Amino acid sequence: MNKKNLFILTAAAIAAIILGVAVGSVFINPSDIISVLLNKIFQKPFPDGFNEANISIIWELRLPRVLLAFLVGAALSVGGAVVQSVLKNPLASPFTLGVSSGASLGAGIIIITGISLPFLGAFTLPLFGLLFGMLTVLSAVMLAAKTDKMLSGSTIVLTGMVFSVFTNALLTFIAGLSGDKYQAVMKWQLGTFSAKGWDYVKIMFPIFAVCFLVILFFSRELDILSFGEETAAAIGVQTKKTKWLLLMATAILTGAAVSFAGVIGFIDLIAPHIARRLFSPRHKILVPMSALFGGIFMVAADLIARTAAAPKEFSVNVIAALAGAPFFAYVYLRRKQK
């Protein structure tokens, strides 16, 4: 692995987070951001002349939003790296499995019905989104397992697409019948990190950390699966069991990301390709590098979304698509030429 590239990428991740917090309707000096962090984490006193009005802007508004964007981008990118390897398809993504459509259906039901579970409140929506996203992937993989004992990538893609189309159609039908709730459902699907505080970060971080470590633990198996099921089975990898575990971890990662931020596409395709090209196809390296790339990309996309036409705010998905669609076309055409 190129240590220079690793240093540059790590520095870029830190710079992206600082820039994301600093830039907005009011520009905040990076030194003030560091002062607030030192005070909140280590109880270090503020320097003389510090503008205390910046404390709430940094700690309550911008920092949790930027950190959530980074975690969501990292989660989607790690999921993309796993799915591309398991399905042996460079154009595949977690959304291929129906995660986003399932999560959207769960979130849509909560938006339309207005259900709020006790002790959960606003987190009822992301919980239902996560559960429905996982249920959709579980159903797709179970159907694939019944029709194909080897659980091949093409079968998983086909069943995932079937469930994705079905759940999208079901959501559109239900939202259409709801009348005035239709616009709210469509707005949620566009994706945003607005008004997301520390509670979201506290939930998203452990989900990401656990799934990330599980996937990293199976990095060797992912390397072997990239060469095909028959080769993996010959080496001794329990292909079906390993695929189940990896796809479920990916479903949890992506379902949580979609539930907290809405449907944001292309990042799960872009980040793994860049990380694979600059660093290594070995998943022990690819997975963490994809997470860093994805986090940087999402923070940058969110920054552009909220500042490009301030005080109005674009959907994060719009910014991601503007960068992702040409990249998708490039990867497809390059693959076709090969």
Protein backbone atom coordinates (compact mmCIF):
# COMPACT_ATOMS: atom_id res chain seq x y z
CA MET A 1 0.00 0.00 0.00
CA ASN A 2 1.24 3.46 -0.90
CA LYS A 3 1.85 5.19 2.46
CA LYS A 4 1.90 8.59 0.78
CA ASN A 5 -1.62 8.05 -0.57
CA LEU A 6 -2.76 6.83 2.85
CA PHE A 7 -1.39 9.95 4.53
CA ILE A 8 -3.02 12.19 1.93
CA LEU A 9 -6.38 10.43 2.27
CA THR A 10 -6.35 10.61 6.09
CA ALA A 11 -5.42 14.29 5.97
CA ALA A 12 -8.18 14.89 3.43
CA ALA A 13 -10.73 13.21 5.72
CA ILE A 14 -9.75 15.45 8.65
CA ALA A 15 -9.74 18.52 6.40
CA ALA A 16 -13.17 17.64 4.99
CA ILE A 17 -14.68 17.37 8.47
CA ILE A 18 -13.13 20.67 9.60
CA LEU A 19 -14.20 22.41 6.38
CA GLY A 20 -17.70 20.99 6.70
CA VAL A 21 -18.02 22.49 10.17
CA ALA A 22 -16.35 25.79 9.30
CA VAL A 23 -18.27 26.72 6.14
CA GLY A 24 -21.86 27.87 6.31
CA SER A 25 -24.00 30.98 6.64
CA VAL A 26 -21.42 32.07 9.24
CA PHE A 27 -17.78 31.14 8.62
CA ILE A 28 -16.05 29.77 11.71
CA ASN A 29 -12.30 29.80 12.15
CA PRO A 30 -10.84 26.25 12.37
CA SER A 31 -9.02 27.27 15.56
CA ASP A 32 -12.43 27.92 17.18
CA ILE A 33 -13.56 24.42 16.15
CA ILE A 34 -10.49 22.90 17.81
CA SER A 35 -11.10 25.01 20.94
CA VAL A 36 -14.68 23.74 21.22
CA LEU A 37 -13.56 20.12 20.75
CA LEU A 38 -10.87 20.45 23.41
CA ASN A 39 -13.38 22.01 25.79
CA LYS A 40 -16.12 19.42 25.25
CA ILE A 41 -13.80 16.39 25.30
CA PHE A 42 -11.02 17.38 27.71
CA GLN A 43 -12.70 20.30 29.58
CA LYS A 44 -9.92 22.63 28.47
CA PRO A 45 -10.91 26.30 29.04
CA PHE A 46 -11.60 28.54 26.07
CA PRO A 47 -8.91 31.07 25.10
CA ASP A 48 -9.39 34.74 25.91
CA GLY A 49 -11.66 36.58 23.53
CA PHE A 50 -13.41 33.40 22.33
CA ASN A 51 -16.82 34.06 20.74
CA GLU A 52 -19.15 31.86 22.79
CA ALA A 53 -21.91 32.24 20.21
CA ASN A 54 -19.95 29.81 18.04
CA ILE A 55 -20.23 27.01 20.61
CA SER A 56 -23.81 26.07 19.76
CA ILE A 57 -23.21 26.48 16.02
CA ILE A 58 -20.23 24.12 16.13
CA TRP A 59 -21.30 21.58 18.74
CA GLU A 60 -25.07 21.45 18.35
CA LEU A 61 -25.64 22.16 14.66
CA ARG A 62 -22.73 21.55 12.32
CA LEU A 63 -20.47 18.95 13.93
CA PRO A 64 -23.13 16.23 14.43
CA ARG A 65 -24.41 16.84 10.90
CA VAL A 66 -20.92 16.52 9.40
CA LEU A 67 -20.08 13.42 11.44
CA LEU A 68 -23.37 11.76 10.49
CA ALA A 69 -22.69 12.54 6.82
CA PHE A 70 -19.22 11.00 7.14
CA LEU A 71 -20.60 7.84 8.80
CA VAL A 72 -23.38 7.45 6.23
CA GLY A 73 -20.94 7.88 3.35
CA ALA A 74 -18.54 5.39 4.92
CA ALA A 75 -21.33 2.87 5.52
CA LEU A 76 -22.64 3.06 1.95
CA SER A 77 -19.12 2.77 0.51
CA VAL A 78 -18.16 -0.26 2.61
CA GLY A 79 -21.43 -1.89 1.58
CA GLY A 80 -20.61 -1.18 -2.05
CA ALA A 81 -17.16 -2.77 -1.74
CA VAL A 82 -18.66 -5.93 -0.22
CA VAL A 83 -21.48 -6.30 -2.73
CA GLN A 84 -19.19 -5.78 -5.73
CA SER A 85 -16.90 -8.55 -4.47
CA VAL A 86 -19.62 -11.00 -3.41
CA LEU A 87 -21.56 -10.59 -6.65
CA LYS A 88 -18.36 -10.23 -8.75
CA ASN A 89 -19.93 -7.25 -10.50
CA PRO A 90 -18.18 -3.84 -10.54
CA LEU A 91 -21.50 -2.11 -11.28
CA ALA A 92 -23.34 -3.68 -8.32
CA SER A 93 -24.27 -1.80 -5.15
CA PRO A 94 -26.24 -2.48 -1.96
CA PHE A 95 -29.23 -0.80 -3.60
CA THR A 96 -29.19 -3.68 -6.11
CA LEU A 97 -30.30 -5.94 -3.26
CA GLY A 98 -33.40 -3.83 -2.57
CA VAL A 99 -32.15 -2.25 0.68
CA SER A 100 -33.04 1.32 -0.25
CA SER A 101 -36.48 0.47 -1.59
CA GLY A 102 -37.27 -1.61 1.49
CA ALA A 103 -36.07 1.12 3.84
CA SER A 104 -38.06 3.69 1.86
CA LEU A 105 -41.20 1.58 2.22
CA GLY A 106 -40.75 1.32 5.99
CA ALA A 107 -40.07 5.05 6.33
CA GLY A 108 -42.97 5.86 4.00
CA ILE A 109 -45.41 3.87 6.12
CA ILE A 110 -44.38 5.84 9.22
CA ILE A 111 -44.63 9.20 7.39
CA ILE A 112 -48.07 8.36 6.02
CA THR A 113 -49.57 6.85 9.17
CA GLY A 114 -47.84 9.15 11.64
CA ILE A 115 -47.10 6.24 14.00
CA SER A 116 -44.70 7.05 16.86
CA LEU A 117 -43.64 4.25 19.18
CA PRO A 118 -43.24 5.00 22.92
CA PHE A 119 -39.68 5.83 24.03
CA LEU A 120 -38.59 6.18 20.38
CA GLY A 121 -40.38 9.27 19.14
CA ALA A 122 -38.64 10.60 16.01
CA PHE A 123 -36.49 7.45 15.84
CA THR A 124 -39.55 5.35 14.97
CA LEU A 125 -39.01 6.24 11.30
CA PRO A 126 -35.34 5.17 11.03
CA LEU A 127 -36.08 1.99 13.02
CA PHE A 128 -38.84 0.95 10.62
CA GLY A 129 -36.66 1.91 7.67
CA LEU A 130 -33.82 -0.27 8.95
CA LEU A 131 -36.11 -3.23 9.68
CA PHE A 132 -37.87 -3.06 6.30
CA GLY A 133 -34.54 -2.70 4.48
CA MET A 134 -33.15 -5.79 6.23
CA LEU A 135 -36.39 -7.71 5.63
CA THR A 136 -36.27 -6.94 1.90
CA VAL A 137 -32.68 -8.19 1.55
CA LEU A 138 -33.45 -11.23 3.70
CA SER A 139 -36.44 -12.09 1.50
CA ALA A 140 -34.43 -11.59 -1.70
CA VAL A 141 -31.54 -13.78 -0.50
CA MET A 142 -33.92 -16.48 0.79
CA LEU A 143 -35.65 -16.61 -2.59
CA ALA A 144 -32.27 -16.72 -4.34
CA ALA A 145 -31.16 -19.59 -2.06
CA LYS A 146 -34.27 -21.60 -2.94
CA THR A 147 -33.79 -21.20 -6.68
CA ASP A 148 -29.98 -21.51 -6.66
CA LYS A 149 -28.26 -23.69 -4.05
CA MET A 150 -24.88 -22.10 -4.84
CA LEU A 151 -26.37 -18.64 -4.25
CA SER A 152 -24.64 -17.22 -7.32
CA GLY A 153 -24.25 -13.48 -7.81
CA SER A 154 -26.51 -13.27 -10.86
CA THR A 155 -29.37 -14.95 -8.98
CA ILE A 156 -29.01 -12.58 -6.03
CA VAL A 157 -29.00 -9.56 -8.37
CA LEU A 158 -32.13 -10.79 -10.17
CA THR A 159 -34.12 -11.45 -7.00
CA GLY A 160 -32.90 -8.19 -5.47
CA MET A 161 -34.11 -6.26 -8.50
CA VAL A 162 -37.50 -7.99 -8.37
CA PHE A 163 -37.99 -7.07 -4.71
CA SER A 164 -36.67 -3.55 -5.33
CA VAL A 165 -39.15 -2.89 -8.14
CA PHE A 166 -42.02 -4.40 -6.16
CA THR A 167 -41.39 -2.41 -2.96
CA ASN A 168 -40.89 0.82 -4.93
CA ALA A 169 -44.19 0.26 -6.71
CA LEU A 170 -45.91 -0.54 -3.41
CA LEU A 171 -44.56 2.65 -1.82
CA THR A 172 -45.65 4.78 -4.77
CA PHE A 173 -49.13 3.21 -4.66
CA ILE A 174 -49.53 3.75 -0.90
CA ALA A 175 -48.14 7.29 -1.06
CA GLY A 176 -50.45 8.11 -3.97
CA LEU A 177 -53.48 7.04 -1.93
CA SER A 178 -52.36 9.15 1.05
CA GLY A 179 -52.98 12.47 -0.73
CA ASP A 180 -51.13 15.27 1.09
CA LYS A 181 -48.51 12.86 2.52
CA TYR A 182 -47.17 12.04 -0.95
CA GLN A 183 -44.89 15.10 -1.10
CA ALA A 184 -43.48 14.36 2.37
CA VAL A 185 -42.55 10.81 1.33
CA MET A 186 -40.89 11.98 -1.88
CA LYS A 187 -38.99 14.73 -0.02
CA TRP A 188 -37.65 12.21 2.50
CA GLN A 189 -36.43 9.95 -0.30
CA LEU A 190 -34.30 12.76 -1.78
CA GLY A 191 -31.92 12.62 1.18
CA THR A 192 -30.79 15.23 3.70
CA PHE A 193 -28.78 15.62 6.89
CA SER A 194 -30.68 18.68 8.02
CA ALA A 195 -31.76 18.82 11.70
CA LYS A 196 -29.86 15.64 12.59
CA GLY A 197 -28.28 15.94 16.03
CA TRP A 198 -25.99 13.90 18.25
CA ASP A 199 -28.63 11.23 18.93
CA TYR A 200 -28.40 10.12 15.30
CA VAL A 201 -24.61 9.98 15.47
CA LYS A 202 -24.71 7.96 18.70
CA ILE A 203 -26.92 5.34 17.04
CA MET A 204 -25.20 5.28 13.66
CA PHE A 205 -21.65 4.98 15.01
CA PRO A 206 -22.02 1.65 16.88
CA ILE A 207 -23.97 0.16 13.97
CA PHE A 208 -21.21 1.16 11.58
CA ALA A 209 -18.40 0.04 13.93
CA VAL A 210 -19.83 -3.46 14.53
CA CYS A 211 -20.66 -4.15 10.87
CA PHE A 212 -17.33 -2.71 9.74
CA LEU A 213 -15.40 -5.02 12.09
CA VAL A 214 -17.45 -8.06 10.99
CA ILE A 215 -16.75 -7.32 7.33
CA LEU A 216 -13.07 -6.68 8.04
CA PHE A 217 -12.89 -10.03 9.88
CA PHE A 218 -14.03 -11.74 6.66
CA SER A 219 -11.59 -9.81 4.44
CA ARG A 220 -9.68 -12.98 3.50
CA GLU A 221 -12.91 -14.73 2.49
CA LEU A 222 -13.89 -11.68 0.44
CA ASP A 223 -10.55 -11.85 -1.39
CA ILE A 224 -11.16 -15.50 -2.22
CA LEU A 225 -14.81 -14.99 -3.22
CA SER A 226 -13.68 -12.43 -5.77
CA PHE A 227 -12.26 -15.32 -7.80
CA GLY A 228 -15.53 -17.26 -7.86
CA GLU A 229 -17.59 -19.69 -5.78
CA GLU A 230 -15.90 -22.84 -7.10
CA THR A 231 -12.41 -21.58 -6.28
CA ALA A 232 -13.53 -20.42 -2.83
CA ALA A 233 -15.22 -23.76 -2.09
CA ALA A 234 -12.10 -25.65 -3.21
CA ILE A 235 -9.97 -23.64 -0.80
CA GLY A 236 -12.35 -24.41 2.06
CA VAL A 237 -14.53 -21.31 2.31
CA GLN A 238 -18.14 -21.96 3.30
CA THR A 239 -19.41 -19.80 0.46
CA LYS A 240 -23.12 -19.84 1.22
CA LYS A 241 -22.73 -19.11 4.94
CA THR A 242 -20.12 -16.42 4.28
CA LYS A 243 -22.31 -14.72 1.68
CA TRP A 244 -25.26 -14.72 4.08
CA LEU A 245 -23.22 -13.07 6.83
CA LEU A 246 -21.65 -10.48 4.54
CA LEU A 247 -24.90 -9.58 2.81
CA MET A 248 -26.72 -9.22 6.15
CA ALA A 249 -23.95 -6.97 7.51
CA THR A 250 -24.21 -4.92 4.32
CA ALA A 251 -27.99 -4.76 4.64
CA ILE A 252 -27.71 -3.43 8.22
CA LEU A 253 -25.10 -0.85 7.20
CA THR A 254 -27.01 0.38 4.17
CA GLY A 255 -30.42 0.16 5.84
CA ALA A 256 -29.22 2.31 8.73
CA ALA A 257 -27.63 4.84 6.36
CA VAL A 258 -30.77 5.13 4.22
CA SER A 259 -33.03 5.30 7.27
CA PHE A 260 -31.08 8.22 8.75
CA ALA A 261 -30.36 10.19 5.58
CA GLY A 262 -32.74 9.07 2.82
CA VAL A 263 -31.85 7.43 -0.49
CA ILE A 264 -28.43 8.63 -1.65
CA GLY A 265 -27.06 6.82 -4.68
CA PHE A 266 -23.78 6.38 -6.56
CA ILE A 267 -21.42 6.86 -3.61
CA ASP A 268 -21.46 3.11 -2.95
CA LEU A 269 -20.26 2.63 -6.53
CA ILE A 270 -17.67 5.42 -6.73
CA ALA A 271 -15.71 5.02 -3.48
CA PRO A 272 -14.79 1.30 -3.81
CA HIS A 273 -13.57 1.80 -7.38
CA ILE A 274 -11.32 4.72 -6.44
CA ALA A 275 -9.99 2.92 -3.35
CA ARG A 276 -9.34 -0.26 -5.35
CA ARG A 277 -7.47 1.68 -8.03
CA LEU A 278 -5.34 3.85 -5.72
CA PHE A 279 -4.61 1.33 -3.00
CA SER A 280 -5.29 -2.37 -3.37
CA PRO A 281 -8.05 -4.88 -4.23
CA ARG A 282 -7.21 -6.72 -0.99
CA HIS A 283 -10.20 -6.18 1.26
CA LYS A 284 -8.11 -5.70 4.38
CA ILE A 285 -7.04 -2.44 2.73
CA LEU A 286 -9.97 -1.83 0.39
CA VAL A 287 -12.68 -1.78 3.07
CA PRO A 288 -11.17 0.94 5.33
CA MET A 289 -10.02 3.01 2.35
CA SER A 290 -13.51 2.84 0.83
CA ALA A 291 -14.90 4.04 4.16
CA LEU A 292 -12.57 7.06 4.14
CA PHE A 293 -13.34 7.92 0.51
CA GLY A 294 -17.06 7.55 1.09
CA GLY A 295 -17.00 9.74 4.19
CA ILE A 296 -15.06 12.49 2.41
CA PHE A 297 -17.35 12.37 -0.61
CA MET A 298 -20.52 12.56 1.48
CA VAL A 299 -19.27 15.46 3.62
CA ALA A 300 -18.31 17.35 0.44
CA ALA A 301 -21.69 16.60 -1.19
CA ASP A 302 -23.58 17.79 1.89
CA LEU A 303 -21.45 20.94 2.08
CA ILE A 304 -22.25 21.80 -1.55
CA ALA A 305 -25.93 20.94 -1.04
CA ARG A 306 -26.37 23.42 1.83
CA THR A 307 -24.16 26.25 0.56
CA ALA A 308 -24.48 26.32 -3.25
CA ALA A 309 -27.85 28.09 -3.21
CA ALA A 310 -28.01 29.29 0.42
CA PRO A 311 -30.33 29.88 2.20
CA LYS A 312 -32.05 27.20 0.09
CA GLU A 313 -30.72 23.66 0.38
CA PHE A 314 -30.35 21.09 -2.38
CA SER A 315 -30.93 17.39 -1.84
CA VAL A 316 -27.67 15.53 -1.13
CA ASN A 317 -28.77 12.92 -3.65
CA VAL A 318 -28.80 15.56 -6.40
CA ILE A 319 -25.16 16.48 -5.74
CA ALA A 320 -24.13 12.81 -5.46
CA ALA A 321 -25.88 11.99 -8.76
CA LEU A 322 -24.19 14.89 -10.60
CA ALA A 323 -20.80 13.38 -9.72
CA GLY A 324 -21.83 9.72 -9.70
CA ALA A 325 -23.76 9.36 -12.96
CA PRO A 326 -20.79 10.28 -15.22
CA PHE A 327 -18.54 8.00 -13.17
CA PHE A 328 -21.03 5.14 -13.55
CA ALA A 329 -21.06 5.69 -17.32
CA TYR A 330 -17.24 5.70 -17.36
CA VAL A 331 -17.00 2.42 -15.45
CA TYR A 332 -19.63 0.79 -17.68
CA LEU A 333 -18.03 1.90 -20.95
CA ARG A 334 -14.54 0.96 -19.74
CA ARG A 335 -15.76 -2.50 -18.77
CA LYS A 336 -17.50 -2.92 -22.12
CA GLN A 337 -14.33 -1.98 -24.01
CA LYS A 338 -12.33 -4.55 -22.04
